[in-house]
PDB file of N, CA and C in Angstrom:
ATOM      1  N   MET A   1      95.852  93.671  51.464  1.00  0.00           N
ATOM      2  CA  MET A   1      95.167  94.618  52.327  1.00  0.00           C
ATOM      3  C   MET A   1      94.701  93.695  53.858  1.00  0.00           C
ATOM      4  N   MET A   2      94.146  92.577  53.566  1.00  0.00           N
ATOM      5  CA  MET A   2      93.942  91.763  54.829  1.00  0.00           C
ATOM      6  C   MET A   2      95.107  91.258  55.589  1.00  0.00           C
ATOM      7  N   LYS A   3      96.237  91.192  54.777  1.00  0.00           N
ATOM      8  CA  LYS A   3      97.364  90.584  55.404  1.00  0.00           C
ATOM      9  C   LYS A   3      97.910  91.750  56.353  1.00  0.00           C
ATOM     10  N   LYS A   4      97.738  92.857  55.777  1.00  0.00           N
ATOM     11  CA  LYS A   4      98.403  93.990  56.644  1.00  0.00           C
ATOM     12  C   LYS A   4      97.608  94.291  57.840  1.00  0.00           C
ATOM     13  N   ILE A   5      96.210  94.171  57.619  1.00  0.00           N
ATOM     14  CA  ILE A   5      95.565  94.312  58.717  1.00  0.00           C
ATOM     15  C   ILE A   5      95.799  93.182  59.796  1.00  0.00           C
ATOM     16  N   GLY A   6      95.814  91.889  59.516  1.00  0.00           N
ATOM     17  CA  GLY A   6      96.022  90.894  60.408  1.00  0.00           C
ATOM     18  C   GLY A   6      97.489  90.991  61.017  1.00  0.00           C
ATOM     19  N   LEU A   7      98.544  91.497  60.305  1.00  0.00           N
ATOM     20  CA  LEU A   7      99.585  91.669  60.893  1.00  0.00           C
ATOM     21  C   LEU A   7      99.578  92.933  61.842  1.00  0.00           C
ATOM     22  N   LEU A   8      98.960  93.924  61.697  1.00  0.00           N
ATOM     23  CA  LEU A   8      99.045  95.189  62.325  1.00  0.00           C
ATOM     24  C   LEU A   8      98.143  94.626  63.798  1.00  0.00           C
ATOM     25  N   SER A   9      97.130  93.756  63.593  1.00  0.00           N
ATOM     26  CA  SER A   9      96.441  93.372  64.808  1.00  0.00           C
ATOM     27  C   SER A   9      97.249  92.500  65.605  1.00  0.00           C
ATOM     28  N   ILE A  10      98.069  91.688  65.238  1.00  0.00           N
ATOM     29  CA  ILE A  10      99.026  90.876  65.894  1.00  0.00           C
ATOM     30  C   ILE A  10      99.983  91.818  66.827  1.00  0.00           C
ATOM     31  N   ILE A  11     100.519  92.736  65.965  1.00  0.00           N
ATOM     32  CA  ILE A  11     101.616  93.699  66.556  1.00  0.00           C
ATOM     33  C   ILE A  11     100.911  94.458  67.859  1.00  0.00           C
ATOM     34  N   LEU A  12      99.614  95.019  67.493  1.00  0.00           N
ATOM     35  CA  LEU A  12      99.065  95.602  68.457  1.00  0.00           C
ATOM     36  C   LEU A  12      98.806  94.610  69.872  1.00  0.00           C
ATOM     37  N   LEU A  13      98.321  93.591  69.540  1.00  0.00           N
ATOM     38  CA  LEU A  13      97.998  92.552  70.746  1.00  0.00           C
ATOM     39  C   LEU A  13      99.338  92.244  71.490  1.00  0.00           C
ATOM     40  N   LEU A  14     100.439  92.124  70.636  1.00  0.00           N
ATOM     41  CA  LEU A  14     101.731  91.652  71.366  1.00  0.00           C
ATOM     42  C   LEU A  14     102.162  93.078  72.202  1.00  0.00           C
ATOM     43  N   ASN A  15     102.057  94.333  71.639  1.00  0.00           N
ATOM     44  CA  ASN A  15     102.333  95.207  72.408  1.00  0.00           C
ATOM     45  C   ASN A  15     101.572  95.339  73.791  1.00  0.00           C
ATOM     46  N   GLY A  16     100.282  95.022  73.667  1.00  0.00           N
ATOM     47  CA  GLY A  16      99.388  95.196  74.906  1.00  0.00           C
ATOM     48  C   GLY A  16      99.832  94.192  76.087  1.00  0.00           C
ATOM     49  N   CYS A  17     100.482  93.109  75.523  1.00  0.00           N
ATOM     50  CA  CYS A  17     101.029  91.934  76.408  1.00  0.00           C
ATOM     51  C   CYS A  17     102.363  92.483  76.958  1.00  0.00           C
ATOM     52  N   MET A  18     103.064  93.339  76.476  1.00  0.00           N
ATOM     53  CA  MET A  18     104.297  93.701  76.824  1.00  0.00           C
ATOM     54  C   MET A  18     103.980  94.928  77.774  1.00  0.00           C
ATOM     55  N   THR A  19     102.723  95.628  77.846  1.00  0.00           N
ATOM     56  CA  THR A  19     102.760  96.892  78.444  1.00  0.00           C
ATOM     57  C   THR A  19     102.932  96.384  80.153  1.00  0.00           C
ATOM     58  N   LEU A  20     103.747  97.397  80.744  1.00  0.00           N
ATOM     59  CA  LEU A  20     103.877  97.259  82.108  1.00  0.00           C
ATOM     60  C   LEU A  20     102.575  97.509  82.966  1.00  0.00           C
ATOM     61  N   ASN A  21     102.303  96.509  84.101  1.00  0.00           N
ATOM     62  CA  ASN A  21     101.112  96.722  84.734  1.00  0.00           C
ATOM     63  C   ASN A  21     101.476  96.228  86.124  1.00  0.00           C
ATOM     64  N   GLY A  22     101.166  97.097  87.081  1.00  0.00           N
ATOM     65  CA  GLY A  22     101.591  96.715  88.515  1.00  0.00           C
ATOM     66  C   GLY A  22     102.161  97.994  89.291  1.00  0.00           C
ATOM     67  N   ASP A  23     102.505  97.654  90.596  1.00  0.00           N
ATOM     68  CA  ASP A  23     103.254  98.758  91.335  1.00  0.00           C
ATOM     69  C   ASP A  23     104.741  98.213  91.562  1.00  0.00           C
ATOM     70  N   TYR A  24     105.720  99.196  91.393  1.00  0.00           N
ATOM     71  CA  TYR A  24     106.940  99.129  91.571  1.00  0.00           C
ATOM     72  C   TYR A  24     107.739  99.983  92.352  1.00  0.00           C
ATOM     73  N   ARG A  25     108.793  99.698  93.045  1.00  0.00           N
ATOM     74  CA  ARG A  25     109.616 100.228  93.835  1.00  0.00           C
ATOM     75  C   ARG A  25     110.724 100.689  93.273  1.00  0.00           C
ATOM     76  N   LEU A  26     111.311 101.670  93.245  1.00  0.00           N
ATOM     77  CA  LEU A  26     112.382 101.989  92.757  1.00  0.00           C
ATOM     78  C   LEU A  26     113.778 102.440  93.502  1.00  0.00           C
ATOM     79  N   VAL A  27     114.913 102.171  93.612  1.00  0.00           N
ATOM     80  CA  VAL A  27     115.820 102.413  94.560  1.00  0.00           C
ATOM     81  C   VAL A  27     117.081 102.823  93.739  1.00  0.00           C
ATOM     82  N   ALA A  28     117.694 104.063  94.269  1.00  0.00           N
ATOM     83  CA  ALA A  28     118.858 104.533  93.546  1.00  0.00           C
ATOM     84  C   ALA A  28     119.976 104.153  94.573  1.00  0.00           C
ATOM     85  N   LEU A  29     120.992 103.427  93.822  1.00  0.00           N
ATOM     86  CA  LEU A  29     122.235 102.799  94.730  1.00  0.00           C
ATOM     87  C   LEU A  29     123.354 103.501  94.169  1.00  0.00           C
ATOM     88  N   ASP A  30     124.685 103.525  94.973  1.00  0.00           N
ATOM     89  CA  ASP A  30     125.715 104.227  94.600  1.00  0.00           C
ATOM     90  C   ASP A  30     126.734 102.967  93.934  1.00  0.00           C
ATOM     91  N   GLU A  31     127.735 103.189  93.555  1.00  0.00           N
ATOM     92  CA  GLU A  31     128.787 102.097  93.198  1.00  0.00           C
ATOM     93  C   GLU A  31     128.878 100.847  94.210  1.00  0.00           C
ATOM     94  N   ASN A  32     128.817 101.178  95.422  1.00  0.00           N
ATOM     95  CA  ASN A  32     129.078 100.352  96.545  1.00  0.00           C
ATOM     96  C   ASN A  32     127.749  99.542  96.930  1.00  0.00           C
ATOM     97  N   GLY A  33     126.667  99.888  96.218  1.00  0.00           N
ATOM     98  CA  GLY A  33     125.445  99.225  96.601  1.00  0.00           C
ATOM     99  C   GLY A  33     124.704  99.751  97.790  1.00  0.00           C
ATOM    100  N   ASN A  34     125.095 101.000  98.245  1.00  0.00           N
ATOM    101  CA  ASN A  34     124.380 101.846  99.186  1.00  0.00           C
ATOM    102  C   ASN A  34     123.226 102.709  98.687  1.00  0.00           C
ATOM    103  N   ASP A  35     122.063 102.502  99.592  1.00  0.00           N
ATOM    104  CA  ASP A  35     120.836 103.224  98.934  1.00  0.00           C
ATOM    105  C   ASP A  35     121.013 104.673  99.134  1.00  0.00           C
ATOM    106  N   LEU A  36     121.116 105.528  97.953  1.00  0.00           N
ATOM    107  CA  LEU A  36     121.421 107.050  98.025  1.00  0.00           C
ATOM    108  C   LEU A  36     120.260 107.763  98.734  1.00  0.00           C
ATOM    109  N   ALA A  37     119.184 107.354  98.685  1.00  0.00           N
ATOM    110  CA  ALA A  37     117.961 107.994  99.356  1.00  0.00           C
ATOM    111  C   ALA A  37     117.373 107.021 100.378  1.00  0.00           C
ATOM    112  N   PRO A  38     118.039 106.544 101.310  1.00  0.00           N
ATOM    113  CA  PRO A  38     117.410 105.800 102.395  1.00  0.00           C
ATOM    114  C   PRO A  38     115.994 105.996 102.906  1.00  0.00           C
ATOM    115  N   LYS A  39     115.800 107.364 103.266  1.00  0.00           N
ATOM    116  CA  LYS A  39     114.335 107.832 103.712  1.00  0.00           C
ATOM    117  C   LYS A  39     113.279 108.257 102.798  1.00  0.00           C
ATOM    118  N   VAL A  40     113.797 107.842 101.454  1.00  0.00           N
ATOM    119  CA  VAL A  40     112.698 108.187 100.343  1.00  0.00           C
ATOM    120  C   VAL A  40     112.304 107.002  99.958  1.00  0.00           C
ATOM    121  N   GLN A  41     110.860 106.649  99.704  1.00  0.00           N
ATOM    122  CA  GLN A  41     110.344 105.387  98.835  1.00  0.00           C
ATOM    123  C   GLN A  41     109.747 105.813  97.819  1.00  0.00           C
ATOM    124  N   MET A  42     110.308 105.610  96.653  1.00  0.00           N
ATOM    125  CA  MET A  42     110.004 106.005  95.370  1.00  0.00           C
ATOM    126  C   MET A  42     108.899 104.934  94.472  1.00  0.00           C
ATOM    127  N   LEU A  43     107.778 104.885  94.665  1.00  0.00           N
ATOM    128  CA  LEU A  43     106.922 104.188  93.860  1.00  0.00           C
ATOM    129  C   LEU A  43     106.332 104.588  92.805  1.00  0.00           C
ATOM    130  N   ALA A  44     106.121 103.481  91.706  1.00  0.00           N
ATOM    131  CA  ALA A  44     105.448 103.964  90.391  1.00  0.00           C
ATOM    132  C   ALA A  44     104.437 102.976  90.247  1.00  0.00           C
ATOM    133  N   HIS A  45     103.627 103.221  89.256  1.00  0.00           N
ATOM    134  CA  HIS A  45     102.537 102.231  88.723  1.00  0.00           C
ATOM    135  C   HIS A  45     102.793 102.235  87.179  1.00  0.00           C
ATOM    136  N   GLY A  46     102.812 101.019  86.660  1.00  0.00           N
ATOM    137  CA  GLY A  46     103.130 100.569  85.395  1.00  0.00           C
ATOM    138  C   GLY A  46     104.173 101.417  84.597  1.00  0.00           C
ATOM    139  N   THR A  47     103.813 102.075  83.624  1.00  0.00           N
ATOM    140  CA  THR A  47     104.847 102.777  82.619  1.00  0.00           C
ATOM    141  C   THR A  47     105.519 103.984  83.471  1.00  0.00           C
ATOM    142  N   GLY A  48     104.944 104.260  84.619  1.00  0.00           N
ATOM    143  CA  GLY A  48     105.300 105.238  85.289  1.00  0.00           C
ATOM    144  C   GLY A  48     106.785 105.220  85.864  1.00  0.00           C
ATOM    145  N   ILE A  49     107.326 103.766  85.693  1.00  0.00           N
ATOM    146  CA  ILE A  49     108.612 103.562  86.006  1.00  0.00           C
ATOM    147  C   ILE A  49     109.500 104.348  85.190  1.00  0.00           C
ATOM    148  N   TYR A  50     109.382 104.638  83.959  1.00  0.00           N
ATOM    149  CA  TYR A  50     110.280 105.294  83.020  1.00  0.00           C
ATOM    150  C   TYR A  50     110.479 106.782  83.543  1.00  0.00           C
ATOM    151  N   ARG A  51     109.371 107.446  83.806  1.00  0.00           N
ATOM    152  CA  ARG A  51     109.456 108.714  84.361  1.00  0.00           C
ATOM    153  C   ARG A  51     110.075 108.931  85.790  1.00  0.00           C
ATOM    154  N   SER A  52     109.898 107.986  86.501  1.00  0.00           N
ATOM    155  CA  SER A  52     110.575 107.703  87.825  1.00  0.00           C
ATOM    156  C   SER A  52     112.171 107.490  87.688  1.00  0.00           C
ATOM    157  N   LYS A  53     112.630 106.681  86.759  1.00  0.00           N
ATOM    158  CA  LYS A  53     113.969 106.496  86.616  1.00  0.00           C
ATOM    159  C   LYS A  53     114.679 107.642  86.041  1.00  0.00           C
ATOM    160  N   ILE A  54     113.907 108.460  85.103  1.00  0.00           N
ATOM    161  CA  ILE A  54     114.367 109.890  84.856  1.00  0.00           C
ATOM    162  C   ILE A  54     114.735 110.867  85.974  1.00  0.00           C
ATOM    163  N   VAL A  55     113.646 110.819  86.689  1.00  0.00           N
ATOM    164  CA  VAL A  55     114.069 111.617  88.039  1.00  0.00           C
ATOM    165  C   VAL A  55     114.913 111.341  88.944  1.00  0.00           C
ATOM    166  N   LEU A  56     115.213 109.965  89.160  1.00  0.00           N
ATOM    167  CA  LEU A  56     116.273 109.326  90.043  1.00  0.00           C
ATOM    168  C   LEU A  56     117.678 109.962  89.313  1.00  0.00           C
ATOM    169  N   CYS A  57     117.814 109.634  88.011  1.00  0.00           N
ATOM    170  CA  CYS A  57     118.885 109.773  87.426  1.00  0.00           C
ATOM    171  C   CYS A  57     119.309 111.353  87.485  1.00  0.00           C
ATOM    172  N   LYS A  58     118.251 112.107  87.391  1.00  0.00           N
ATOM    173  CA  LYS A  58     118.664 113.508  87.353  1.00  0.00           C
ATOM    174  C   LYS A  58     118.950 113.861  88.783  1.00  0.00           C
ATOM    175  N   ALA A  59     118.480 113.292  89.892  1.00  0.00           N
ATOM    176  CA  ALA A  59     119.070 113.513  91.112  1.00  0.00           C
ATOM    177  C   ALA A  59     120.187 113.024  91.541  1.00  0.00           C
ATOM    178  N   PHE A  60     120.575 111.755  91.062  1.00  0.00           N
ATOM    179  CA  PHE A  60     121.713 111.250  91.079  1.00  0.00           C
ATOM    180  C   PHE A  60     122.430 110.464  90.003  1.00  0.00           C
ATOM    181  N   PRO A  61     123.058 111.362  89.202  1.00  0.00           N
ATOM    182  CA  PRO A  61     123.562 111.028  87.944  1.00  0.00           C
ATOM    183  C   PRO A  61     124.453 109.745  87.693  1.00  0.00           C
ATOM    184  N   LYS A  62     125.143 109.196  88.826  1.00  0.00           N
ATOM    185  CA  LYS A  62     126.103 108.258  88.662  1.00  0.00           C
ATOM    186  C   LYS A  62     125.338 107.058  89.364  1.00  0.00           C
ATOM    187  N   ALA A  63     124.035 107.060  89.408  1.00  0.00           N
ATOM    188  CA  ALA A  63     123.263 105.931  90.240  1.00  0.00           C
ATOM    189  C   ALA A  63     122.976 104.749  89.578  1.00  0.00           C
ATOM    190  N   THR A  64     122.813 103.448  90.128  1.00  0.00           N
ATOM    191  CA  THR A  64     122.294 102.394  89.549  1.00  0.00           C
ATOM    192  C   THR A  64     120.880 102.325  90.100  1.00  0.00           C
ATOM    193  N   ILE A  65     119.852 102.215  89.087  1.00  0.00           N
ATOM    194  CA  ILE A  65     118.646 102.100  89.626  1.00  0.00           C
ATOM    195  C   ILE A  65     118.003 100.744  89.392  1.00  0.00           C
ATOM    196  N   ARG A  66     117.515 100.381  90.604  1.00  0.00           N
ATOM    197  CA  ARG A  66     116.846  98.840  90.532  1.00  0.00           C
ATOM    198  C   ARG A  66     115.453  99.050  90.872  1.00  0.00           C
ATOM    199  N   ILE A  67     114.575  98.284  90.162  1.00  0.00           N
ATOM    200  CA  ILE A  67     113.020  98.226  90.271  1.00  0.00           C
ATOM    201  C   ILE A  67     112.762  96.987  90.656  1.00  0.00           C
ATOM    202  N   TYR A  68     111.732  96.995  91.756  1.00  0.00           N
ATOM    203  CA  TYR A  68     111.087  95.736  92.432  1.00  0.00           C
ATOM    204  C   TYR A  68     109.745  95.752  92.313  1.00  0.00           C
ATOM    205  N   ASP A  69     109.032  94.759  91.967  1.00  0.00           N
ATOM    206  CA  ASP A  69     107.626  94.589  91.902  1.00  0.00           C
ATOM    207  C   ASP A  69     107.262  94.676  93.621  1.00  0.00           C
ATOM    208  N   THR A  70     106.619  95.523  93.938  1.00  0.00           N
ATOM    209  CA  THR A  70     106.120  95.515  95.486  1.00  0.00           C
ATOM    210  C   THR A  70     105.035  94.290  95.759  1.00  0.00           C
ATOM    211  N   GLY A  71     104.586  93.702  94.844  1.00  0.00           N
ATOM    212  CA  GLY A  71     103.676  92.543  95.127  1.00  0.00           C
ATOM    213  C   GLY A  71     104.631  91.382  95.556  1.00  0.00           C
ATOM    214  N   THR A  72     105.830  90.998  94.716  1.00  0.00           N
ATOM    215  CA  THR A  72     106.704  89.865  95.070  1.00  0.00           C
ATOM    216  C   THR A  72     107.802  90.251  95.599  1.00  0.00           C
ATOM    217  N   ASN A  73     108.296  91.518  95.419  1.00  0.00           N
ATOM    218  CA  ASN A  73     109.615  91.855  95.886  1.00  0.00           C
ATOM    219  C   ASN A  73     110.586  91.268  94.908  1.00  0.00           C
ATOM    220  N   GLN A  74     110.412  90.960  93.826  1.00  0.00           N
ATOM    221  CA  GLN A  74     111.292  90.528  92.927  1.00  0.00           C
ATOM    222  C   GLN A  74     111.824  91.777  91.885  1.00  0.00           C
ATOM    223  N   GLU A  75     113.081  91.677  91.493  1.00  0.00           N
ATOM    224  CA  GLU A  75     113.481  92.661  90.661  1.00  0.00           C
ATOM    225  C   GLU A  75     113.018  92.530  89.312  1.00  0.00           C
ATOM    226  N   LEU A  76     112.548  93.625  88.593  1.00  0.00           N
ATOM    227  CA  LEU A  76     111.969  93.536  87.233  1.00  0.00           C
ATOM    228  C   LEU A  76     113.010  93.261  86.284  1.00  0.00           C
ATOM    229  N   LYS A  77     112.863  92.063  85.520  1.00  0.00           N
ATOM    230  CA  LYS A  77     113.783  91.483  84.727  1.00  0.00           C
ATOM    231  C   LYS A  77     113.632  92.254  83.506  1.00  0.00           C
ATOM    232  N   GLY A  78     114.782  92.541  82.745  1.00  0.00           N
ATOM    233  CA  GLY A  78     114.762  93.384  81.514  1.00  0.00           C
ATOM    234  C   GLY A  78     114.746  94.695  81.626  1.00  0.00           C
ATOM    235  N   LYS A  79     114.331  95.367  82.920  1.00  0.00           N
ATOM    236  CA  LYS A  79     114.274  96.751  83.176  1.00  0.00           C
ATOM    237  C   LYS A  79     115.180  97.177  84.271  1.00  0.00           C
ATOM    238  N   SER A  80     115.563  96.207  84.955  1.00  0.00           N
ATOM    239  CA  SER A  80     116.499  96.471  86.260  1.00  0.00           C
ATOM    240  C   SER A  80     117.683  95.466  86.269  1.00  0.00           C
ATOM    241  N   PRO A  81     118.697  95.705  86.407  1.00  0.00           N
ATOM    242  CA  PRO A  81     119.287  97.247  86.905  1.00  0.00           C
ATOM    243  C   PRO A  81     119.572  98.331  85.676  1.00  0.00           C
ATOM    244  N   ARG A  82     119.633  99.574  86.086  1.00  0.00           N
ATOM    245  CA  ARG A  82     119.895 100.448  84.920  1.00  0.00           C
ATOM    246  C   ARG A  82     120.870 101.356  85.687  1.00  0.00           C
ATOM    247  N   LYS A  83     121.984 101.679  84.777  1.00  0.00           N
ATOM    248  CA  LYS A  83     122.907 102.765  85.247  1.00  0.00           C
ATOM    249  C   LYS A  83     122.485 103.731  84.770  1.00  0.00           C
ATOM    250  N   CYS A  84     122.573 105.041  85.411  1.00  0.00           N
ATOM    251  CA  CYS A  84     122.438 106.425  85.084  1.00  0.00           C
ATOM    252  C   CYS A  84     123.783 106.900  84.279  1.00  0.00           C
ATOM    253  N   ARG A  85     123.395 107.865  83.322  1.00  0.00           N
ATOM    254  CA  ARG A  85     124.819 108.389  82.630  1.00  0.00           C
ATOM    255  C   ARG A  85     124.827 109.752  83.037  1.00  0.00           C
TER     256      ARG A  85
END
């Protein structure tokens, strides 16, 4: 029982470390790399990027979504880019 509690604690701690935190800017691009909504700035906080990606993909079904950290302007590795289906 103690081993299971210890393992569960480790899993919960690791999940907490992997939680997205921060502010992000999302951009929808066409197949040529052109911004599909140049006058719209989509911002999301933390895990809100998932909902924002869904909204952008519904608006632009064939878009590629790129996510950038607003503090560093670096693309979010592992989450970006994503192709809408």
